[in-house]
PDB file of N, CA and C in Angstrom:
ATOM      1  N   UNK A   1       0.719  -1.263  -0.079  1.00  0.00           N
ATOM      2  CA  UNK A   1      -0.111   0.011   0.152  1.00  0.00           C
ATOM      3  C   UNK A   1       0.872   1.049   0.007  1.00  0.00           C
ATOM      4  N   UNK A   2       0.676   2.465  -0.808  1.00  0.00           N
ATOM      5  CA  UNK A   2       1.275   3.411  -0.955  1.00  0.00           C
ATOM      6  C   UNK A   2       0.581   4.280   0.152  1.00  0.00           C
ATOM      7  N   UNK A   3       1.566   5.548   0.252  1.00  0.00           N
ATOM      8  CA  UNK A   3       1.162   6.966   1.044  1.00  0.00           C
ATOM      9  C   UNK A   3      -0.372   7.346   0.191  1.00  0.00           C
ATOM     10  N   UNK A   4      -0.434   6.940  -0.971  1.00  0.00           N
ATOM     11  CA  UNK A   4      -1.348   7.962  -1.627  1.00  0.00           C
ATOM     12  C   UNK A   4      -2.995   6.859  -1.481  1.00  0.00           C
ATOM     13  N   UNK A   5      -2.590   5.502  -1.521  1.00  0.00           N
ATOM     14  CA  UNK A   5      -3.642   4.349  -1.120  1.00  0.00           C
ATOM     15  C   UNK A   5      -4.031   4.767   0.175  1.00  0.00           C
ATOM     16  N   UNK A   6      -3.120   5.062   1.281  1.00  0.00           N
ATOM     17  CA  UNK A   6      -3.945   5.154   2.673  1.00  0.00           C
ATOM     18  C   UNK A   6      -4.655   6.632   2.713  1.00  0.00           C
ATOM     19  N   UNK A   7      -3.850   7.481   1.844  1.00  0.00           N
ATOM     20  CA  UNK A   7      -4.911   8.859   1.932  1.00  0.00           C
ATOM     21  C   UNK A   7      -6.082   8.496   1.487  1.00  0.00           C
ATOM     22  N   UNK A   8      -6.276   8.054   0.398  1.00  0.00           N
ATOM     23  CA  UNK A   8      -7.628   7.701  -0.363  1.00  0.00           C
ATOM     24  C   UNK A   8      -8.355   6.969   0.597  1.00  0.00           C
ATOM     25  N   UNK A   9      -8.331   5.701   1.420  1.00  0.00           N
ATOM     26  CA  UNK A   9      -8.932   5.153   2.233  1.00  0.00           C
ATOM     27  C   UNK A   9      -9.280   6.086   3.541  1.00  0.00           C
ATOM     28  N   UNK A  10      -8.785   7.091   4.006  1.00  0.00           N
ATOM     29  CA  UNK A  10      -8.681   8.088   5.120  1.00  0.00           C
ATOM     30  C   UNK A  10     -10.162   8.877   4.452  1.00  0.00           C
ATOM     31  N   UNK A  11      -9.694   9.369   3.343  1.00  0.00           N
ATOM     32  CA  UNK A  11     -10.854  10.357   2.814  1.00  0.00           C
ATOM     33  C   UNK A  11     -12.151   9.501   2.545  1.00  0.00           C
ATOM     34  N   UNK A  12     -11.870   8.126   2.086  1.00  0.00           N
ATOM     35  CA  UNK A  12     -12.930   7.771   1.743  1.00  0.00           C
ATOM     36  C   UNK A  12     -14.120   7.418   3.533  1.00  0.00           C
ATOM     37  N   UNK A  13     -13.210   7.081   4.473  1.00  0.00           N
ATOM     38  CA  UNK A  13     -13.888   6.635   5.645  1.00  0.00           C
ATOM     39  C   UNK A  13     -14.369   8.128   6.153  1.00  0.00           C
ATOM     40  N   UNK A  14     -13.777   9.270   5.787  1.00  0.00           N
ATOM     41  CA  UNK A  14     -13.921  10.563   6.221  1.00  0.00           C
ATOM     42  C   UNK A  14     -15.318  10.778   5.443  1.00  0.00           C
ATOM     43  N   UNK A  15     -15.694  10.751   4.160  1.00  0.00           N
ATOM     44  CA  UNK A  15     -16.410  11.221   3.539  1.00  0.00           C
ATOM     45  C   UNK A  15     -18.024   9.995   3.903  1.00  0.00           C
ATOM     46  N   UNK A  16     -17.545   8.904   4.075  1.00  0.00           N
ATOM     47  CA  UNK A  16     -18.432   8.094   4.681  1.00  0.00           C
ATOM     48  C   UNK A  16     -19.239   8.252   5.926  1.00  0.00           C
ATOM     49  N   UNK A  17     -18.466   8.951   6.774  1.00  0.00           N
ATOM     50  CA  UNK A  17     -18.633   9.213   8.240  1.00  0.00           C
ATOM     51  C   UNK A  17     -19.673  10.702   8.009  1.00  0.00           C
ATOM     52  N   UNK A  18     -19.015  11.414   6.896  1.00  0.00           N
ATOM     53  CA  UNK A  18     -19.750  12.760   6.870  1.00  0.00           C
ATOM     54  C   UNK A  18     -21.110  12.311   6.191  1.00  0.00           C
ATOM     55  N   UNK A  19     -21.480  11.331   5.584  1.00  0.00           N
ATOM     56  CA  UNK A  19     -22.625  11.260   4.837  1.00  0.00           C
ATOM     57  C   UNK A  19     -23.437  10.162   5.679  1.00  0.00           C
ATOM     58  N   UNK A  20     -22.941   9.515   6.623  1.00  0.00           N
ATOM     59  CA  UNK A  20     -23.277   8.748   7.965  1.00  0.00           C
ATOM     60  C   UNK A  20     -24.338   9.963   8.915  1.00  0.00           C
ATOM     61  N   UNK A  21     -23.516  10.793   9.263  1.00  0.00           N
ATOM     62  CA  UNK A  21     -23.747  12.244  10.088  1.00  0.00           C
ATOM     63  C   UNK A  21     -25.068  12.540   9.471  1.00  0.00           C
ATOM     64  N   UNK A  22     -25.033  12.797   8.485  1.00  0.00           N
ATOM     65  CA  UNK A  22     -26.077  13.943   7.595  1.00  0.00           C
ATOM     66  C   UNK A  22     -27.345  13.003   7.569  1.00  0.00           C
ATOM     67  N   UNK A  23     -27.172  11.679   7.365  1.00  0.00           N
ATOM     68  CA  UNK A  23     -28.326  10.906   7.704  1.00  0.00           C
ATOM     69  C   UNK A  23     -28.942  10.921   9.093  1.00  0.00           C
ATOM     70  N   UNK A  24     -27.906  10.603   9.864  1.00  0.00           N
ATOM     71  CA  UNK A  24     -28.650  10.712  11.265  1.00  0.00           C
ATOM     72  C   UNK A  24     -28.994  11.966  11.861  1.00  0.00           C
ATOM     73  N   UNK A  25     -28.759  12.995  11.312  1.00  0.00           N
ATOM     74  CA  UNK A  25     -29.289  14.448  11.407  1.00  0.00           C
ATOM     75  C   UNK A  25     -30.612  14.219  10.855  1.00  0.00           C
ATOM     76  N   UNK A  26     -30.895  13.737   9.688  1.00  0.00           N
ATOM     77  CA  UNK A  26     -32.153  13.594   8.840  1.00  0.00           C
ATOM     78  C   UNK A  26     -33.160  13.003   9.734  1.00  0.00           C
ATOM     79  N   UNK A  27     -32.600  11.627  10.228  1.00  0.00           N
ATOM     80  CA  UNK A  27     -33.302  11.109  11.087  1.00  0.00           C
ATOM     81  C   UNK A  27     -33.567  11.442  12.522  1.00  0.00           C
ATOM     82  N   UNK A  28     -32.849  12.338  12.812  1.00  0.00           N
ATOM     83  CA  UNK A  28     -33.257  12.825  14.064  1.00  0.00           C
ATOM     84  C   UNK A  28     -32.829  12.270  15.190  1.00  0.00           C
ATOM     85  N   UNK A  29     -31.836  11.240  14.895  1.00  0.00           N
ATOM     86  CA  UNK A  29     -31.048  10.352  15.927  1.00  0.00           C
ATOM     87  C   UNK A  29     -30.112  11.416  16.776  1.00  0.00           C
ATOM     88  N   UNK A  30     -30.351  11.711  17.763  1.00  0.00           N
ATOM     89  CA  UNK A  30     -29.527  12.738  18.787  1.00  0.00           C
ATOM     90  C   UNK A  30     -28.209  11.722  19.172  1.00  0.00           C
ATOM     91  N   UNK A  31     -28.556  10.682  19.784  1.00  0.00           N
ATOM     92  CA  UNK A  31     -27.479  10.146  20.263  1.00  0.00           C
ATOM     93  C   UNK A  31     -26.198   9.549  19.165  1.00  0.00           C
ATOM     94  N   UNK A  32     -26.919   9.105  18.017  1.00  0.00           N
ATOM     95  CA  UNK A  32     -25.889   9.048  16.750  1.00  0.00           C
ATOM     96  C   UNK A  32     -24.988  10.059  16.357  1.00  0.00           C
ATOM     97  N   UNK A  33     -25.481  11.349  16.408  1.00  0.00           N
ATOM     98  CA  UNK A  33     -24.879  12.616  16.024  1.00  0.00           C
ATOM     99  C   UNK A  33     -23.984  12.789  16.979  1.00  0.00           C
ATOM    100  N   UNK A  34     -24.433  12.566  18.333  1.00  0.00           N
ATOM    101  CA  UNK A  34     -22.964  12.799  19.370  1.00  0.00           C
ATOM    102  C   UNK A  34     -21.955  11.762  19.239  1.00  0.00           C
ATOM    103  N   UNK A  35     -22.399  10.679  18.568  1.00  0.00           N
ATOM    104  CA  UNK A  35     -21.280   9.539  18.932  1.00  0.00           C
ATOM    105  C   UNK A  35     -20.309   9.981  17.478  1.00  0.00           C
ATOM    106  N   UNK A  36     -21.050  10.427  16.511  1.00  0.00           N
ATOM    107  CA  UNK A  36     -19.983  10.726  15.434  1.00  0.00           C
ATOM    108  C   UNK A  36     -19.345  11.983  15.408  1.00  0.00           C
ATOM    109  N   UNK A  37     -19.957  12.896  16.250  1.00  0.00           N
ATOM    110  CA  UNK A  37     -19.070  14.248  16.264  1.00  0.00           C
ATOM    111  C   UNK A  37     -18.405  13.845  17.558  1.00  0.00           C
ATOM    112  N   UNK A  38     -18.310  12.981  18.480  1.00  0.00           N
ATOM    113  CA  UNK A  38     -17.311  12.913  19.490  1.00  0.00           C
ATOM    114  C   UNK A  38     -15.992  12.750  19.168  1.00  0.00           C
ATOM    115  N   UNK A  39     -15.303  13.659  19.445  1.00  0.00           N
ATOM    116  CA  UNK A  39     -13.683  13.875  19.651  1.00  0.00           C
ATOM    117  C   UNK A  39     -13.294  14.219  18.209  1.00  0.00           C
ATOM    118  N   UNK A  40     -14.241  14.907  17.339  1.00  0.00           N
ATOM    119  CA  UNK A  40     -13.498  15.423  15.963  1.00  0.00           C
ATOM    120  C   UNK A  40     -13.955  16.755  16.141  1.00  0.00           C
ATOM    121  N   UNK A  41     -13.768  17.724  15.284  1.00  0.00           N
ATOM    122  CA  UNK A  41     -13.711  18.894  15.073  1.00  0.00           C
ATOM    123  C   UNK A  41     -14.496  19.200  13.566  1.00  0.00           C
ATOM    124  N   UNK A  42     -15.020  20.408  13.499  1.00  0.00           N
ATOM    125  CA  UNK A  42     -15.648  20.702  12.090  1.00  0.00           C
ATOM    126  C   UNK A  42     -15.181  22.571  11.838  1.00  0.00           C
ATOM    127  N   UNK A  43     -14.839  22.403  10.248  1.00  0.00           N
ATOM    128  CA  UNK A  43     -14.427  23.516   9.888  1.00  0.00           C
ATOM    129  C   UNK A  43     -15.524  24.470   9.546  1.00  0.00           C
ATOM    130  N   UNK A  44     -15.545  25.612   9.439  1.00  0.00           N
ATOM    131  CA  UNK A  44     -16.563  26.529   9.780  1.00  0.00           C
ATOM    132  C   UNK A  44     -17.736  26.325   8.810  1.00  0.00           C
ATOM    133  N   UNK A  45     -17.325  26.254   7.451  1.00  0.00           N
ATOM    134  CA  UNK A  45     -18.163  26.113   6.195  1.00  0.00           C
ATOM    135  C   UNK A  45     -19.241  24.512   6.809  1.00  0.00           C
ATOM    136  N   UNK A  46     -18.721  23.269   7.238  1.00  0.00           N
ATOM    137  CA  UNK A  46     -19.005  22.167   7.397  1.00  0.00           C
ATOM    138  C   UNK A  46     -19.914  22.391   8.323  1.00  0.00           C
ATOM    139  N   UNK A  47     -19.571  23.041   9.853  1.00  0.00           N
ATOM    140  CA  UNK A  47     -20.440  23.225  10.686  1.00  0.00           C
ATOM    141  C   UNK A  47     -21.847  23.882  10.252  1.00  0.00           C
ATOM    142  N   UNK A  48     -21.532  24.928   9.766  1.00  0.00           N
ATOM    143  CA  UNK A  48     -22.492  25.740   9.287  1.00  0.00           C
ATOM    144  C   UNK A  48     -23.607  24.971   8.576  1.00  0.00           C
ATOM    145  N   UNK A  49     -23.165  24.234   7.761  1.00  0.00           N
ATOM    146  CA  UNK A  49     -24.011  23.147   6.553  1.00  0.00           C
ATOM    147  C   UNK A  49     -24.661  22.433   7.531  1.00  0.00           C
ATOM    148  N   UNK A  50     -24.038  21.689   8.695  1.00  0.00           N
ATOM    149  CA  UNK A  50     -24.813  20.556   9.152  1.00  0.00           C
ATOM    150  C   UNK A  50     -25.698  21.713  10.292  1.00  0.00           C
ATOM    151  N   UNK A  51     -25.275  22.489  10.693  1.00  0.00           N
ATOM    152  CA  UNK A  51     -26.455  23.345  11.569  1.00  0.00           C
ATOM    153  C   UNK A  51     -27.669  23.625  10.748  1.00  0.00           C
ATOM    154  N   UNK A  52     -27.552  24.307   9.489  1.00  0.00           N
ATOM    155  CA  UNK A  52     -28.732  24.471   8.653  1.00  0.00           C
ATOM    156  C   UNK A  52     -29.381  23.113   8.619  1.00  0.00           C
ATOM    157  N   UNK A  53     -28.968  21.879   8.171  1.00  0.00           N
ATOM    158  CA  UNK A  53     -29.243  20.798   8.232  1.00  0.00           C
ATOM    159  C   UNK A  53     -30.522  20.204   9.317  1.00  0.00           C
ATOM    160  N   UNK A  54     -29.924  20.553  10.734  1.00  0.00           N
ATOM    161  CA  UNK A  54     -30.504  20.120  11.535  1.00  0.00           C
ATOM    162  C   UNK A  54     -31.676  21.183  11.921  1.00  0.00           C
ATOM    163  N   UNK A  55     -31.420  22.584  11.347  1.00  0.00           N
ATOM    164  CA  UNK A  55     -32.871  23.513  11.528  1.00  0.00           C
ATOM    165  C   UNK A  55     -33.875  22.808  10.468  1.00  0.00           C
ATOM    166  N   UNK A  56     -33.286  22.439   9.579  1.00  0.00           N
ATOM    167  CA  UNK A  56     -34.418  22.326   8.311  1.00  0.00           C
ATOM    168  C   UNK A  56     -35.145  20.407   9.013  1.00  0.00           C
ATOM    169  N   UNK A  57     -34.601  19.747   9.664  1.00  0.00           N
ATOM    170  CA  UNK A  57     -35.528  18.443  10.245  1.00  0.00           C
ATOM    171  C   UNK A  57     -35.818  19.033  11.338  1.00  0.00           C
ATOM    172  N   UNK A  58     -36.001  20.290  11.843  1.00  0.00           N
ATOM    173  CA  UNK A  58     -36.743  21.068  13.172  1.00  0.00           C
ATOM    174  C   UNK A  58     -36.302  20.157  14.438  1.00  0.00           C
ATOM    175  N   UNK A  59     -34.836  19.677  14.672  1.00  0.00           N
ATOM    176  CA  UNK A  59     -34.599  19.210  15.526  1.00  0.00           C
ATOM    177  C   UNK A  59     -33.333  20.340  16.353  1.00  0.00           C
ATOM    178  N   UNK A  60     -33.734  20.877  17.333  1.00  0.00           N
ATOM    179  CA  UNK A  60     -33.114  22.077  18.122  1.00  0.00           C
ATOM    180  C   UNK A  60     -32.045  21.187  18.936  1.00  0.00           C
ATOM    181  N   UNK A  61     -32.175  20.064  19.417  1.00  0.00           N
ATOM    182  CA  UNK A  61     -31.274  19.270  20.305  1.00  0.00           C
ATOM    183  C   UNK A  61     -30.192  18.899  19.293  1.00  0.00           C
ATOM    184  N   UNK A  62     -30.230  18.678  18.498  1.00  0.00           N
ATOM    185  CA  UNK A  62     -29.232  18.081  17.413  1.00  0.00           C
ATOM    186  C   UNK A  62     -28.254  19.544  17.065  1.00  0.00           C
ATOM    187  N   UNK A  63     -29.243  20.459  16.637  1.00  0.00           N
ATOM    188  CA  UNK A  63     -28.363  21.476  16.480  1.00  0.00           C
ATOM    189  C   UNK A  63     -27.460  22.233  17.542  1.00  0.00           C
ATOM    190  N   UNK A  64     -27.805  21.947  18.623  1.00  0.00           N
ATOM    191  CA  UNK A  64     -27.407  22.536  19.985  1.00  0.00           C
ATOM    192  C   UNK A  64     -25.889  21.531  19.889  1.00  0.00           C
ATOM    193  N   UNK A  65     -26.044  20.492  19.721  1.00  0.00           N
ATOM    194  CA  UNK A  65     -25.046  19.703  19.613  1.00  0.00           C
ATOM    195  C   UNK A  65     -23.863  19.956  18.660  1.00  0.00           C
ATOM    196  N   UNK A  66     -24.283  20.213  17.826  1.00  0.00           N
ATOM    197  CA  UNK A  66     -23.367  20.249  16.482  1.00  0.00           C
ATOM    198  C   UNK A  66     -23.057  21.870  16.726  1.00  0.00           C
ATOM    199  N   UNK A  67     -23.516  22.617  17.484  1.00  0.00           N
ATOM    200  CA  UNK A  67     -22.975  24.117  17.868  1.00  0.00           C
ATOM    201  C   UNK A  67     -21.924  24.018  18.889  1.00  0.00           C
ATOM    202  N   UNK A  68     -21.922  22.916  19.361  1.00  0.00           N
ATOM    203  CA  UNK A  68     -21.206  22.513  20.946  1.00  0.00           C
ATOM    204  C   UNK A  68     -19.641  21.852  20.266  1.00  0.00           C
ATOM    205  N   UNK A  69     -19.622  21.623  19.151  1.00  0.00           N
ATOM    206  CA  UNK A  69     -18.424  20.839  18.177  1.00  0.00           C
ATOM    207  C   UNK A  69     -17.547  21.870  18.176  1.00  0.00           C
ATOM    208  N   UNK A  70     -16.303  21.603  18.678  1.00  0.00           N
ATOM    209  CA  UNK A  70     -15.310  22.431  18.260  1.00  0.00           C
ATOM    210  C   UNK A  70     -14.761  23.056  16.999  1.00  0.00           C
ATOM    211  N   UNK A  71     -14.426  24.006  16.502  1.00  0.00           N
ATOM    212  CA  UNK A  71     -13.997  24.095  15.049  1.00  0.00           C
ATOM    213  C   UNK A  71     -12.712  24.178  14.978  1.00  0.00           C
ATOM    214  N   UNK A  72     -12.203  23.381  13.685  1.00  0.00           N
ATOM    215  CA  UNK A  72     -10.935  23.555  13.421  1.00  0.00           C
ATOM    216  C   UNK A  72     -10.358  24.701  12.300  1.00  0.00           C
TER     217      UNK A  72
END
């Protein structure tokens, strides 16, 4: 495995995690959102997007979980 292969696998996991996070937000699964964000940081653009998604789903608890996630 080359360094490029490793970077691609890391990116794939990151994209998969992001997709699963969006699904959890849409489903209103607060505990899953907490678990997926635990120990992670979000960049400002990504955080704003996820907050908007939580607002659209009408779940203020998930919105607060996302807001409390540190920014990178």
